[in-house]
């Protein structure tokens, strides 16, 4: 299971180790550590987001062990969306009901539009959008891309998929 744990650490040497050591002890594999030094909490601590792969049965024991090390665990949850890609859309994106296009992905329950950047050079000219979609796995991501492509075909919007790197 992939989970994200957000802890609050004192700004002192050795504090991060107090959060990471139990992960090793419980057989977890650290995927990423995001240290947010510029965002001090009301308790004058530094939030750190740790993403790990761990056996689902060991999560509660892990959280308790981190707390016993004197670390504040602000939150932890399963990472639901694990597959992500971005696609370029070209056409009258806004005028063809952008909300509907996004909703067709978001309403699946297995995928979401998680980011979008739009450029509209002129009011009645085609616009471009970089759309990022995340899904629960690679197979569901492919299904979400097919939904987006079918929706865009209906609305005369061109979809450019990223090249697969090998």
C-alpha atoms as a PDB file:
ATOM      1  CA  UNK A   1       0.000   0.000   0.000  1.00  0.00           C
ATOM      2  CA  UNK A   2       1.229   3.493  -0.812  1.00  0.00           C
ATOM      3  CA  UNK A   3       0.568   6.047   1.957  1.00  0.00           C
ATOM      4  CA  UNK A   4       1.512   9.624   2.713  1.00  0.00           C
ATOM      5  CA  UNK A   5       2.314  10.665   6.287  1.00  0.00           C
ATOM      6  CA  UNK A   6       2.556  14.335   7.267  1.00  0.00           C
ATOM      7  CA  UNK A   7       4.612  14.921  10.406  1.00  0.00           C
ATOM      8  CA  UNK A   8       5.648  18.081  12.253  1.00  0.00           C
ATOM      9  CA  UNK A   9       9.286  18.236  13.314  1.00  0.00           C
ATOM     10  CA  UNK A  10      11.221  20.506  15.647  1.00  0.00           C
ATOM     11  CA  UNK A  11      13.872  22.473  13.770  1.00  0.00           C
ATOM     12  CA  UNK A  12      16.723  20.550  15.407  1.00  0.00           C
ATOM     13  CA  UNK A  13      19.271  17.998  14.191  1.00  0.00           C
ATOM     14  CA  UNK A  14      18.081  14.376  14.319  1.00  0.00           C
ATOM     15  CA  UNK A  15      14.351  15.077  14.191  1.00  0.00           C
ATOM     16  CA  UNK A  16      13.820  13.673  10.705  1.00  0.00           C
ATOM     17  CA  UNK A  17      15.540  10.444  11.759  1.00  0.00           C
ATOM     18  CA  UNK A  18      12.926  10.017  14.516  1.00  0.00           C
ATOM     19  CA  UNK A  19      10.234   9.887  11.829  1.00  0.00           C
ATOM     20  CA  UNK A  20      12.163   7.761   9.318  1.00  0.00           C
ATOM     21  CA  UNK A  21      13.657   5.109  11.598  1.00  0.00           C
ATOM     22  CA  UNK A  22      10.330   3.366  12.349  1.00  0.00           C
ATOM     23  CA  UNK A  23       9.589   3.164   8.634  1.00  0.00           C
ATOM     24  CA  UNK A  24      12.681   1.037   8.162  1.00  0.00           C
ATOM     25  CA  UNK A  25      11.896  -1.040  11.246  1.00  0.00           C
ATOM     26  CA  UNK A  26       8.379  -1.857   9.973  1.00  0.00           C
ATOM     27  CA  UNK A  27       9.579  -2.792   6.482  1.00  0.00           C
ATOM     28  CA  UNK A  28       8.461   0.358   4.705  1.00  0.00           C
ATOM     29  CA  UNK A  29      10.094   1.677   1.556  1.00  0.00           C
ATOM     30  CA  UNK A  30      10.445   5.467   1.357  1.00  0.00           C
ATOM     31  CA  UNK A  31       9.257   6.821  -1.991  1.00  0.00           C
ATOM     32  CA  UNK A  32       9.663  10.539  -1.274  1.00  0.00           C
ATOM     33  CA  UNK A  33      10.305  13.060   1.498  1.00  0.00           C
ATOM     34  CA  UNK A  34       9.075  16.638   1.042  1.00  0.00           C
ATOM     35  CA  UNK A  35      10.550  18.956   3.686  1.00  0.00           C
ATOM     36  CA  UNK A  36       8.660  22.271   3.881  1.00  0.00           C
ATOM     37  CA  UNK A  37      11.114  24.528   5.762  1.00  0.00           C
ATOM     38  CA  UNK A  38       9.290  27.702   4.689  1.00  0.00           C
ATOM     39  CA  UNK A  39       5.944  26.655   6.255  1.00  0.00           C
ATOM     40  CA  UNK A  40       6.320  26.802  10.035  1.00  0.00           C
ATOM     41  CA  UNK A  41       3.286  25.410  11.935  1.00  0.00           C
ATOM     42  CA  UNK A  42       1.587  27.177  14.887  1.00  0.00           C
ATOM     43  CA  UNK A  43       3.679  24.936  17.180  1.00  0.00           C
ATOM     44  CA  UNK A  44       6.832  26.369  15.507  1.00  0.00           C
ATOM     45  CA  UNK A  45       7.557  23.057  13.773  1.00  0.00           C
ATOM     46  CA  UNK A  46       8.362  22.137  10.182  1.00  0.00           C
ATOM     47  CA  UNK A  47       5.881  20.002   8.222  1.00  0.00           C
ATOM     48  CA  UNK A  48       7.391  17.048   6.366  1.00  0.00           C
ATOM     49  CA  UNK A  49       5.419  14.888   3.941  1.00  0.00           C
ATOM     50  CA  UNK A  50       6.696  11.313   3.654  1.00  0.00           C
ATOM     51  CA  UNK A  51       5.344   8.914   1.024  1.00  0.00           C
ATOM     52  CA  UNK A  52       6.036   5.232   1.639  1.00  0.00           C
ATOM     53  CA  UNK A  53       5.181   1.779   0.370  1.00  0.00           C
ATOM     54  CA  UNK A  54       4.268  -0.505   3.283  1.00  0.00           C
ATOM     55  CA  UNK A  55       2.182  -3.572   4.119  1.00  0.00           C
ATOM     56  CA  UNK A  56      -1.336  -2.357   4.916  1.00  0.00           C
ATOM     57  CA  UNK A  57      -1.402  -4.423   8.145  1.00  0.00           C
ATOM     58  CA  UNK A  58       1.573  -2.521   9.558  1.00  0.00           C
ATOM     59  CA  UNK A  59       0.371   1.071   9.045  1.00  0.00           C
ATOM     60  CA  UNK A  60      -1.253   1.579  12.470  1.00  0.00           C
ATOM     61  CA  UNK A  61       1.763   0.124  14.304  1.00  0.00           C
ATOM     62  CA  UNK A  62       4.058   2.353  12.242  1.00  0.00           C
ATOM     63  CA  UNK A  63       2.092   5.497  13.096  1.00  0.00           C
ATOM     64  CA  UNK A  64       2.149   4.582  16.790  1.00  0.00           C
ATOM     65  CA  UNK A  65       5.930   3.981  16.660  1.00  0.00           C
ATOM     66  CA  UNK A  66       6.510   7.380  15.032  1.00  0.00           C
ATOM     67  CA  UNK A  67       4.409   9.035  17.749  1.00  0.00           C
ATOM     68  CA  UNK A  68       6.328   7.158  20.467  1.00  0.00           C
ATOM     69  CA  UNK A  69       9.511   8.707  19.040  1.00  0.00           C
ATOM     70  CA  UNK A  70       8.066  12.106  19.994  1.00  0.00           C
ATOM     71  CA  UNK A  71       7.012  13.116  16.485  1.00  0.00           C
ATOM     72  CA  UNK A  72       3.657  14.774  15.842  1.00  0.00           C
ATOM     73  CA  UNK A  73       1.766  12.919  13.114  1.00  0.00           C
ATOM     74  CA  UNK A  74      -0.584  15.470  11.587  1.00  0.00           C
ATOM     75  CA  UNK A  75      -2.188  13.105   9.053  1.00  0.00           C
ATOM     76  CA  UNK A  76      -1.767   9.908   7.103  1.00  0.00           C
ATOM     77  CA  UNK A  77      -3.742   8.439   4.244  1.00  0.00           C
ATOM     78  CA  UNK A  78      -3.583   6.039   1.350  1.00  0.00           C
ATOM     79  CA  UNK A  79      -2.390   7.516  -1.905  1.00  0.00           C
ATOM     80  CA  UNK A  80      -5.350   6.798  -4.163  1.00  0.00           C
ATOM     81  CA  UNK A  81      -4.207   8.261  -7.469  1.00  0.00           C
ATOM     82  CA  UNK A  82      -0.921   6.668  -8.497  1.00  0.00           C
ATOM     83  CA  UNK A  83      -0.779   6.967 -12.302  1.00  0.00           C
ATOM     84  CA  UNK A  84      -0.500  10.387 -13.951  1.00  0.00           C
ATOM     85  CA  UNK A  85      -0.038  11.835 -17.419  1.00  0.00           C
ATOM     86  CA  UNK A  86      -0.464  15.172 -19.179  1.00  0.00           C
ATOM     87  CA  UNK A  87      -2.051  15.812 -22.563  1.00  0.00           C
ATOM     88  CA  UNK A  88      -2.274  18.877 -24.774  1.00  0.00           C
ATOM     89  CA  UNK A  89      -5.707  20.011 -25.994  1.00  0.00           C
ATOM     90  CA  UNK A  90      -6.133  22.400 -28.935  1.00  0.00           C
ATOM     91  CA  UNK A  91      -9.449  23.930 -29.961  1.00  0.00           C
ATOM     92  CA  UNK A  92     -12.347  25.912 -28.536  1.00  0.00           C
ATOM     93  CA  UNK A  93     -11.863  24.445 -25.059  1.00  0.00           C
ATOM     94  CA  UNK A  94     -13.699  27.099 -23.060  1.00  0.00           C
ATOM     95  CA  UNK A  95     -16.567  27.585 -25.538  1.00  0.00           C
ATOM     96  CA  UNK A  96     -17.345  23.837 -25.591  1.00  0.00           C
ATOM     97  CA  UNK A  97     -18.074  23.637 -21.850  1.00  0.00           C
ATOM     98  CA  UNK A  98     -14.800  23.045 -20.065  1.00  0.00           C
ATOM     99  CA  UNK A  99     -16.701  22.020 -16.916  1.00  0.00           C
ATOM    100  CA  UNK A 100     -18.391  19.180 -18.793  1.00  0.00           C
ATOM    101  CA  UNK A 101     -15.061  17.960 -20.190  1.00  0.00           C
ATOM    102  CA  UNK A 102     -13.487  17.873 -16.715  1.00  0.00           C
ATOM    103  CA  UNK A 103     -16.586  16.331 -15.126  1.00  0.00           C
ATOM    104  CA  UNK A 104     -16.556  13.405 -17.544  1.00  0.00           C
ATOM    105  CA  UNK A 105     -13.164  12.406 -16.112  1.00  0.00           C
ATOM    106  CA  UNK A 106     -13.823  13.345 -12.468  1.00  0.00           C
ATOM    107  CA  UNK A 107     -17.167  11.507 -12.354  1.00  0.00           C
ATOM    108  CA  UNK A 108     -15.550   8.136 -13.128  1.00  0.00           C
ATOM    109  CA  UNK A 109     -14.531   7.595  -9.509  1.00  0.00           C
ATOM    110  CA  UNK A 110     -11.158   6.259 -10.625  1.00  0.00           C
ATOM    111  CA  UNK A 111      -9.590   9.333 -12.275  1.00  0.00           C
ATOM    112  CA  UNK A 112      -9.436  13.099 -11.832  1.00  0.00           C
ATOM    113  CA  UNK A 113      -8.209  16.152 -13.698  1.00  0.00           C
ATOM    114  CA  UNK A 114      -5.627  17.345 -11.177  1.00  0.00           C
ATOM    115  CA  UNK A 115      -4.105  20.285 -13.061  1.00  0.00           C
ATOM    116  CA  UNK A 116      -4.857  22.435 -16.097  1.00  0.00           C
ATOM    117  CA  UNK A 117      -3.091  25.381 -17.738  1.00  0.00           C
ATOM    118  CA  UNK A 118      -4.987  27.238 -20.454  1.00  0.00           C
ATOM    119  CA  UNK A 119      -3.820  29.779 -22.991  1.00  0.00           C
ATOM    120  CA  UNK A 120      -6.421  31.843 -24.884  1.00  0.00           C
ATOM    121  CA  UNK A 121      -4.591  34.149 -27.319  1.00  0.00           C
ATOM    122  CA  UNK A 122      -7.792  35.738 -28.728  1.00  0.00           C
ATOM    123  CA  UNK A 123     -11.473  35.497 -27.827  1.00  0.00           C
ATOM    124  CA  UNK A 124     -12.743  33.666 -30.915  1.00  0.00           C
ATOM    125  CA  UNK A 125      -9.548  31.774 -31.728  1.00  0.00           C
ATOM    126  CA  UNK A 126      -8.652  28.216 -30.631  1.00  0.00           C
ATOM    127  CA  UNK A 127      -7.061  27.911 -27.230  1.00  0.00           C
ATOM    128  CA  UNK A 128      -4.596  25.393 -25.860  1.00  0.00           C
ATOM    129  CA  UNK A 129      -4.658  23.584 -22.544  1.00  0.00           C
ATOM    130  CA  UNK A 130      -2.217  21.279 -20.809  1.00  0.00           C
ATOM    131  CA  UNK A 131      -4.368  18.825 -18.843  1.00  0.00           C
ATOM    132  CA  UNK A 132      -2.953  16.516 -16.174  1.00  0.00           C
ATOM    133  CA  UNK A 133      -4.991  13.438 -15.265  1.00  0.00           C
ATOM    134  CA  UNK A 134      -4.311  11.095 -12.341  1.00  0.00           C
ATOM    135  CA  UNK A 135      -5.936   7.686 -11.866  1.00  0.00           C
ATOM    136  CA  UNK A 136      -5.883   4.770  -9.457  1.00  0.00           C
ATOM    137  CA  UNK A 137      -3.646   2.698 -11.766  1.00  0.00           C
ATOM    138  CA  UNK A 138      -2.232   2.586 -15.304  1.00  0.00           C
ATOM    139  CA  UNK A 139      -5.209   0.676 -16.732  1.00  0.00           C
ATOM    140  CA  UNK A 140      -7.693   3.203 -15.314  1.00  0.00           C
ATOM    141  CA  UNK A 141      -5.509   6.041 -16.597  1.00  0.00           C
ATOM    142  CA  UNK A 142      -5.776   4.598 -20.117  1.00  0.00           C
ATOM    143  CA  UNK A 143      -9.575   4.441 -19.707  1.00  0.00           C
ATOM    144  CA  UNK A 144      -9.639   8.080 -18.548  1.00  0.00           C
ATOM    145  CA  UNK A 145      -7.571   9.119 -21.573  1.00  0.00           C
ATOM    146  CA  UNK A 146     -10.047   7.321 -23.857  1.00  0.00           C
ATOM    147  CA  UNK A 147     -12.927   9.188 -22.169  1.00  0.00           C
ATOM    148  CA  UNK A 148     -11.090  12.483 -22.713  1.00  0.00           C
ATOM    149  CA  UNK A 149     -10.328  11.647 -26.346  1.00  0.00           C
ATOM    150  CA  UNK A 150     -13.972  10.684 -27.048  1.00  0.00           C
ATOM    151  CA  UNK A 151     -15.211  13.858 -25.345  1.00  0.00           C
ATOM    152  CA  UNK A 152     -12.790  15.999 -27.331  1.00  0.00           C
ATOM    153  CA  UNK A 153     -13.737  14.253 -30.575  1.00  0.00           C
ATOM    154  CA  UNK A 154     -17.382  15.226 -29.914  1.00  0.00           C
ATOM    155  CA  UNK A 155     -16.303  18.835 -29.315  1.00  0.00           C
ATOM    156  CA  UNK A 156     -13.836  19.037 -32.241  1.00  0.00           C
ATOM    157  CA  UNK A 157     -10.847  19.457 -29.910  1.00  0.00           C
ATOM    158  CA  UNK A 158      -7.502  17.943 -30.883  1.00  0.00           C
ATOM    159  CA  UNK A 159      -5.746  15.803 -28.251  1.00  0.00           C
ATOM    160  CA  UNK A 160      -1.979  15.386 -28.383  1.00  0.00           C
ATOM    161  CA  UNK A 161      -0.702  12.585 -26.175  1.00  0.00           C
ATOM    162  CA  UNK A 162       2.810  12.483 -24.744  1.00  0.00           C
ATOM    163  CA  UNK A 163       5.371  10.279 -26.431  1.00  0.00           C
ATOM    164  CA  UNK A 164       6.198   7.126 -24.518  1.00  0.00           C
ATOM    165  CA  UNK A 165       9.838   7.127 -23.402  1.00  0.00           C
ATOM    166  CA  UNK A 166      11.573   3.748 -23.403  1.00  0.00           C
END
